[in-house]
Amino acid sequence: MKFKFLANTIKNKRFDYAPRYYDERKERLVLKKKEFDRLENEDLSHEDRQKILRRNMQESWSRTANAQNQRSTSNFRVLLLIVILLVLGYFVFNGTREVDIVVKKLW
């Protein structure tokens, strides 16, 4: 008598999955090239020119807002590090016995 379960070997399952990559930057670049070609050929209507102008202004504003946000977080980190260094310097120069006094005053 044959035992089928002893003769079976485990086989890997195979999938036909092809991942797709979407490059938003490349899509924007292709769109800008098409718009530039249309601008050179003067095929754009007044409404199309307004749409292009609005899109360009939104992109520049979003870049500016992002840069300001990064700058403010960076400044906050620097300020926090300066405060920490000042506190540590205070305790180094005045000794550690005053740590209890300062902690009791803070709480």
N, C-alpha and C. Protein backbone atom coordinates (compact mmCIF):
# COMPACT_ATOMS: atom_id res chain seq x y z
N MET A 1 0.82 -1.16 0.00
CA MET A 1 0.00 0.00 0.00
C MET A 1 0.88 1.24 0.00
N LYS A 2 0.55 2.18 -0.87
CA LYS A 2 1.35 3.41 -0.98
C LYS A 2 0.77 4.50 -0.09
N PHE A 3 1.68 5.21 0.48
CA PHE A 3 1.28 6.38 1.27
C PHE A 3 1.62 7.63 0.47
N LYS A 4 0.58 8.27 -0.06
CA LYS A 4 0.79 9.44 -0.92
C LYS A 4 1.40 10.60 -0.16
N PHE A 5 1.02 10.79 1.06
CA PHE A 5 1.49 11.95 1.79
C PHE A 5 2.99 11.88 2.08
N LEU A 6 3.57 10.72 2.03
CA LEU A 6 5.01 10.60 2.24
C LEU A 6 5.80 10.92 0.97
N ALA A 7 5.20 10.73 -0.17
CA ALA A 7 5.90 10.95 -1.42
C ALA A 7 5.78 12.39 -1.91
N ASN A 8 4.81 13.14 -1.41
CA ASN A 8 4.63 14.52 -1.86
C ASN A 8 5.71 15.43 -1.30
N THR A 9 6.22 16.28 -2.14
CA THR A 9 7.18 17.28 -1.69
C THR A 9 6.51 18.66 -1.75
N ILE A 10 6.94 19.51 -0.90
CA ILE A 10 6.36 20.85 -0.86
C ILE A 10 6.96 21.67 -2.00
N LYS A 11 6.08 22.28 -2.77
CA LYS A 11 6.53 23.09 -3.91
C LYS A 11 6.12 24.54 -3.66
N ASN A 12 6.96 25.43 -4.08
CA ASN A 12 6.65 26.85 -3.95
C ASN A 12 5.54 27.24 -4.91
N LYS A 13 4.68 28.13 -4.44
CA LYS A 13 3.65 28.65 -5.32
C LYS A 13 4.24 29.81 -6.10
N ARG A 14 3.85 29.90 -7.34
CA ARG A 14 4.34 30.97 -8.19
C ARG A 14 3.21 31.90 -8.57
N PHE A 15 3.52 33.17 -8.58
CA PHE A 15 2.54 34.17 -8.93
C PHE A 15 3.08 34.98 -10.10
N ASP A 16 2.19 35.41 -10.95
CA ASP A 16 2.58 36.27 -12.06
C ASP A 16 2.26 37.71 -11.71
N TYR A 17 2.97 38.22 -10.73
CA TYR A 17 2.75 39.59 -10.29
C TYR A 17 3.85 40.47 -10.85
N ALA A 18 3.47 41.43 -11.63
CA ALA A 18 4.43 42.39 -12.17
C ALA A 18 4.15 43.75 -11.53
N PRO A 19 5.01 44.18 -10.62
CA PRO A 19 4.76 45.46 -9.95
C PRO A 19 4.86 46.62 -10.94
N ARG A 20 4.01 47.62 -10.73
CA ARG A 20 4.01 48.79 -11.59
C ARG A 20 4.58 49.95 -10.80
N TYR A 21 5.35 50.75 -11.50
CA TYR A 21 5.98 51.90 -10.86
C TYR A 21 5.42 53.17 -11.47
N TYR A 22 4.92 54.04 -10.63
CA TYR A 22 4.37 55.31 -11.09
C TYR A 22 5.29 56.42 -10.64
N ASP A 23 5.80 57.15 -11.61
CA ASP A 23 6.70 58.25 -11.32
C ASP A 23 5.97 59.57 -11.56
N GLU A 24 5.52 60.17 -10.48
CA GLU A 24 4.76 61.42 -10.59
C GLU A 24 5.60 62.54 -11.18
N ARG A 25 6.87 62.57 -10.83
CA ARG A 25 7.76 63.61 -11.35
C ARG A 25 7.89 63.51 -12.86
N LYS A 26 8.02 62.29 -13.35
CA LYS A 26 8.14 62.08 -14.79
C LYS A 26 6.85 62.50 -15.50
N GLU A 27 5.69 62.18 -14.91
CA GLU A 27 4.42 62.58 -15.49
C GLU A 27 4.32 64.10 -15.60
N ARG A 28 4.73 64.80 -14.54
CA ARG A 28 4.68 66.26 -14.58
C ARG A 28 5.62 66.81 -15.64
N LEU A 29 6.78 66.19 -15.78
CA LEU A 29 7.75 66.64 -16.78
C LEU A 29 7.20 66.47 -18.19
N VAL A 30 6.56 65.34 -18.46
CA VAL A 30 5.97 65.11 -19.79
C VAL A 30 4.87 66.13 -20.05
N LEU A 31 4.06 66.41 -19.05
CA LEU A 31 2.99 67.39 -19.20
C LEU A 31 3.54 68.78 -19.48
N LYS A 32 4.61 69.14 -18.79
CA LYS A 32 5.22 70.46 -19.01
C LYS A 32 5.84 70.56 -20.39
N LYS A 33 6.42 69.46 -20.87
CA LYS A 33 6.99 69.48 -22.23
C LYS A 33 5.90 69.70 -23.27
N LYS A 34 4.76 69.01 -23.08
CA LYS A 34 3.65 69.20 -24.02
C LYS A 34 3.15 70.63 -23.99
N GLU A 35 3.02 71.19 -22.78
CA GLU A 35 2.57 72.58 -22.67
C GLU A 35 3.56 73.54 -23.32
N PHE A 36 4.83 73.28 -23.12
CA PHE A 36 5.85 74.16 -23.72
C PHE A 36 5.80 74.10 -25.24
N ASP A 37 5.62 72.90 -25.78
CA ASP A 37 5.50 72.76 -27.24
C ASP A 37 4.28 73.51 -27.75
N ARG A 38 3.18 73.41 -27.01
CA ARG A 38 1.97 74.12 -27.42
C ARG A 38 2.16 75.64 -27.31
N LEU A 39 2.93 76.08 -26.32
CA LEU A 39 3.22 77.51 -26.19
C LEU A 39 4.04 78.01 -27.37
N GLU A 40 5.02 77.21 -27.77
CA GLU A 40 5.85 77.60 -28.91
C GLU A 40 5.04 77.68 -30.20
N ASN A 41 4.11 76.75 -30.37
CA ASN A 41 3.28 76.73 -31.58
C ASN A 41 2.10 77.69 -31.49
N GLU A 42 1.91 78.28 -30.31
CA GLU A 42 0.82 79.22 -30.07
C GLU A 42 -0.54 78.56 -30.31
N ASP A 43 -0.68 77.33 -29.85
CA ASP A 43 -1.94 76.60 -29.99
C ASP A 43 -2.83 76.74 -28.76
N LEU A 44 -2.41 77.52 -27.78
CA LEU A 44 -3.15 77.60 -26.53
C LEU A 44 -4.18 78.73 -26.56
N SER A 45 -5.31 78.44 -25.97
CA SER A 45 -6.32 79.48 -25.83
C SER A 45 -6.03 80.27 -24.56
N HIS A 46 -6.80 81.29 -24.35
CA HIS A 46 -6.63 82.13 -23.17
C HIS A 46 -6.88 81.32 -21.89
N GLU A 47 -7.88 80.45 -21.90
CA GLU A 47 -8.20 79.63 -20.74
C GLU A 47 -7.08 78.64 -20.42
N ASP A 48 -6.49 78.06 -21.47
CA ASP A 48 -5.38 77.13 -21.25
C ASP A 48 -4.18 77.84 -20.64
N ARG A 49 -3.92 79.04 -21.09
CA ARG A 49 -2.81 79.81 -20.52
C ARG A 49 -3.07 80.12 -19.05
N GLN A 50 -4.32 80.43 -18.71
CA GLN A 50 -4.64 80.69 -17.31
C GLN A 50 -4.46 79.44 -16.45
N LYS A 51 -4.84 78.28 -16.98
CA LYS A 51 -4.67 77.03 -16.24
C LYS A 51 -3.19 76.75 -15.97
N ILE A 52 -2.38 76.98 -16.99
CA ILE A 52 -0.94 76.76 -16.83
C ILE A 52 -0.37 77.70 -15.79
N LEU A 53 -0.78 78.97 -15.85
CA LEU A 53 -0.30 79.95 -14.89
C LEU A 53 -0.72 79.58 -13.47
N ARG A 54 -1.96 79.16 -13.29
CA ARG A 54 -2.44 78.76 -11.96
C ARG A 54 -1.65 77.56 -11.43
N ARG A 55 -1.42 76.59 -12.29
CA ARG A 55 -0.68 75.40 -11.86
C ARG A 55 0.75 75.78 -11.44
N ASN A 56 1.39 76.63 -12.23
CA ASN A 56 2.75 77.05 -11.89
C ASN A 56 2.79 77.83 -10.58
N MET A 57 1.79 78.67 -10.35
CA MET A 57 1.74 79.43 -9.10
C MET A 57 1.51 78.51 -7.91
N GLN A 58 0.63 77.51 -8.06
CA GLN A 58 0.39 76.57 -6.97
C GLN A 58 1.64 75.77 -6.64
N GLU A 59 2.37 75.35 -7.66
CA GLU A 59 3.60 74.60 -7.43
C GLU A 59 4.63 75.46 -6.69
N SER A 60 4.77 76.71 -7.09
CA SER A 60 5.75 77.57 -6.43
C SER A 60 5.34 77.87 -5.00
N TRP A 61 4.05 78.06 -4.74
CA TRP A 61 3.59 78.30 -3.37
C TRP A 61 3.77 77.08 -2.49
N SER A 62 3.53 75.90 -3.03
CA SER A 62 3.69 74.70 -2.23
C SER A 62 5.17 74.47 -1.90
N ARG A 63 6.05 74.78 -2.84
CA ARG A 63 7.49 74.66 -2.56
C ARG A 63 7.90 75.64 -1.47
N THR A 64 7.37 76.87 -1.53
CA THR A 64 7.70 77.88 -0.54
C THR A 64 7.19 77.48 0.83
N ALA A 65 5.96 76.98 0.90
CA ALA A 65 5.38 76.56 2.17
C ALA A 65 6.17 75.40 2.77
N ASN A 66 6.59 74.47 1.93
CA ASN A 66 7.37 73.33 2.40
C ASN A 66 8.72 73.79 2.94
N ALA A 67 9.35 74.72 2.26
CA ALA A 67 10.65 75.23 2.71
C ALA A 67 10.50 75.96 4.05
N GLN A 68 9.44 76.74 4.20
CA GLN A 68 9.22 77.46 5.47
C GLN A 68 8.97 76.48 6.60
N ASN A 69 8.23 75.43 6.34
CA ASN A 69 7.94 74.43 7.37
C ASN A 69 9.24 73.73 7.81
N GLN A 70 10.07 73.37 6.87
CA GLN A 70 11.34 72.73 7.20
C GLN A 70 12.24 73.67 7.98
N ARG A 71 12.25 74.94 7.59
CA ARG A 71 13.08 75.92 8.27
C ARG A 71 12.63 76.10 9.72
N SER A 72 11.32 76.17 9.95
CA SER A 72 10.83 76.38 11.31
C SER A 72 11.12 75.17 12.20
N THR A 73 10.96 73.95 11.68
CA THR A 73 11.27 72.77 12.48
C THR A 73 12.77 72.69 12.78
N SER A 74 13.58 73.09 11.83
CA SER A 74 15.02 73.10 12.05
C SER A 74 15.40 74.12 13.12
N ASN A 75 14.80 75.29 13.06
CA ASN A 75 15.08 76.32 14.07
C ASN A 75 14.64 75.86 15.46
N PHE A 76 13.50 75.17 15.55
CA PHE A 76 13.03 74.67 16.83
C PHE A 76 14.01 73.65 17.41
N ARG A 77 14.51 72.76 16.57
CA ARG A 77 15.48 71.76 17.04
C ARG A 77 16.75 72.42 17.56
N VAL A 78 17.24 73.42 16.84
CA VAL A 78 18.46 74.12 17.26
C VAL A 78 18.23 74.82 18.59
N LEU A 79 17.08 75.47 18.74
CA LEU A 79 16.76 76.15 19.99
C LEU A 79 16.67 75.15 21.14
N LEU A 80 16.06 74.01 20.91
CA LEU A 80 15.96 72.98 21.94
C LEU A 80 17.33 72.47 22.35
N LEU A 81 18.21 72.25 21.39
CA LEU A 81 19.57 71.80 21.72
C LEU A 81 20.34 72.85 22.52
N ILE A 82 20.15 74.12 22.18
CA ILE A 82 20.83 75.19 22.92
C ILE A 82 20.35 75.22 24.36
N VAL A 83 19.04 75.07 24.57
CA VAL A 83 18.49 75.07 25.93
C VAL A 83 19.04 73.89 26.72
N ILE A 84 19.09 72.73 26.11
CA ILE A 84 19.62 71.54 26.80
C ILE A 84 21.08 71.74 27.17
N LEU A 85 21.87 72.30 26.26
CA LEU A 85 23.28 72.54 26.54
C LEU A 85 23.46 73.58 27.65
N LEU A 86 22.63 74.60 27.66
CA LEU A 86 22.71 75.61 28.73
C LEU A 86 22.38 75.00 30.09
N VAL A 87 21.36 74.15 30.15
CA VAL A 87 20.99 73.51 31.41
C VAL A 87 22.12 72.59 31.88
N LEU A 88 22.66 71.81 30.97
CA LEU A 88 23.77 70.92 31.35
C LEU A 88 24.99 71.73 31.79
N GLY A 89 25.28 72.81 31.10
CA GLY A 89 26.40 73.66 31.49
C GLY A 89 26.20 74.28 32.86
N TYR A 90 24.97 74.68 33.16
CA TYR A 90 24.67 75.24 34.48
C TYR A 90 24.98 74.23 35.57
N PHE A 91 24.54 72.98 35.37
CA PHE A 91 24.78 71.96 36.39
C PHE A 91 26.25 71.56 36.47
N VAL A 92 26.97 71.63 35.38
CA VAL A 92 28.39 71.29 35.41
C VAL A 92 29.16 72.34 36.21
N PHE A 93 28.86 73.62 35.99
CA PHE A 93 29.60 74.68 36.67
C PHE A 93 29.14 74.91 38.11
N ASN A 94 27.89 74.63 38.43
CA ASN A 94 27.39 74.88 39.79
C ASN A 94 27.35 73.62 40.63
N GLY A 95 27.67 72.49 40.08
CA GLY A 95 27.69 71.25 40.86
C GLY A 95 26.34 70.55 40.82
N THR A 96 26.38 69.29 41.21
CA THR A 96 25.17 68.48 41.13
C THR A 96 24.31 68.58 42.37
N ARG A 97 24.79 69.22 43.44
CA ARG A 97 23.98 69.30 44.65
C ARG A 97 22.80 70.25 44.47
N GLU A 98 22.91 71.15 43.50
CA GLU A 98 21.81 72.09 43.27
C GLU A 98 20.74 71.49 42.36
N VAL A 99 20.96 70.31 41.85
CA VAL A 99 19.97 69.65 41.00
C VAL A 99 18.69 69.41 41.79
N ASP A 100 18.82 68.95 43.04
CA ASP A 100 17.65 68.70 43.87
C ASP A 100 16.85 69.98 44.10
N ILE A 101 17.55 71.06 44.34
CA ILE A 101 16.87 72.34 44.59
C ILE A 101 16.09 72.78 43.36
N VAL A 102 16.72 72.68 42.19
CA VAL A 102 16.07 73.11 40.95
C VAL A 102 14.87 72.21 40.62
N VAL A 103 15.02 70.91 40.83
CA VAL A 103 13.93 69.98 40.55
C VAL A 103 12.75 70.24 41.49
N LYS A 104 13.03 70.49 42.76
CA LYS A 104 11.96 70.77 43.72
C LYS A 104 11.23 72.07 43.37
N LYS A 105 11.97 73.08 42.88
CA LYS A 105 11.33 74.33 42.49
C LYS A 105 10.45 74.15 41.25
N LEU A 106 10.90 73.30 40.34
CA LEU A 106 10.13 73.07 39.11
C LEU A 106 8.85 72.29 39.40
N TRP A 107 8.88 71.34 40.33
CA TRP A 107 7.70 70.54 40.62
C TRP A 107 6.86 71.25 41.62
